[in-house]
Amino acid sequence: MIPVVVSDTGPLISFEKIEGGFALVRRMVGVVLVPPQVYMELSAGLPLGTAYSDHFGLSGLLRVVEAPVPPEATRGLDDGERHAIALALSQDVPLLIEERQGREVALELGLHVSGAVGLILAAWQDRRILQDEAESALRDLFRAGRINRGLLDLALARILGH
């Protein structure tokens, strides 16, 4: 299990789309830190006054933590990405991020990055989730438009041994 990660908005939205997605996250990660900017992005699609963590039952899993000033290298990324990268750097923990440009910047800054698919594959390899759970989660991501057919096929080939 990964004790602590920082997440940008995208991976958490991906886990929303997986049936039982946050239950899977609880088996993979101890705590998910998000900066306030990411939390606001996540809450934007909910009814007024609804807290994201309450809506999805994430008490004890999701923590909002203020991020330091983002590094200059993050200029050009959206506010949530910039602050998620800054928080991951300050905490020295892996970053969950799915947007290509944000991933590239995070890697250049020395962060370990993953997205929902990478986290699912790592959990399957570590035997934290079963093969059928991993396969189902990946198919849910594809059906929800969160991953393309090529990534689905690559990930399924890995877990199905093809």
Foldseek 3Di string as FASTA:
>chain_A
DAAEEEEAQLQVVLLVLAVCSVVLVVLQYQAYEFEVVRQCVQCVPDPPPDGNCVVVVPVRHYDYDHFDQFDPLCPPPDPRLRRSLRRCVVVVGAYADDDPVSVVSSVVVPHHYDGNLVSLLVCCVVVSDDLVSSLRSLVSCPVVVNDDPVVNVVSNCVSVVD
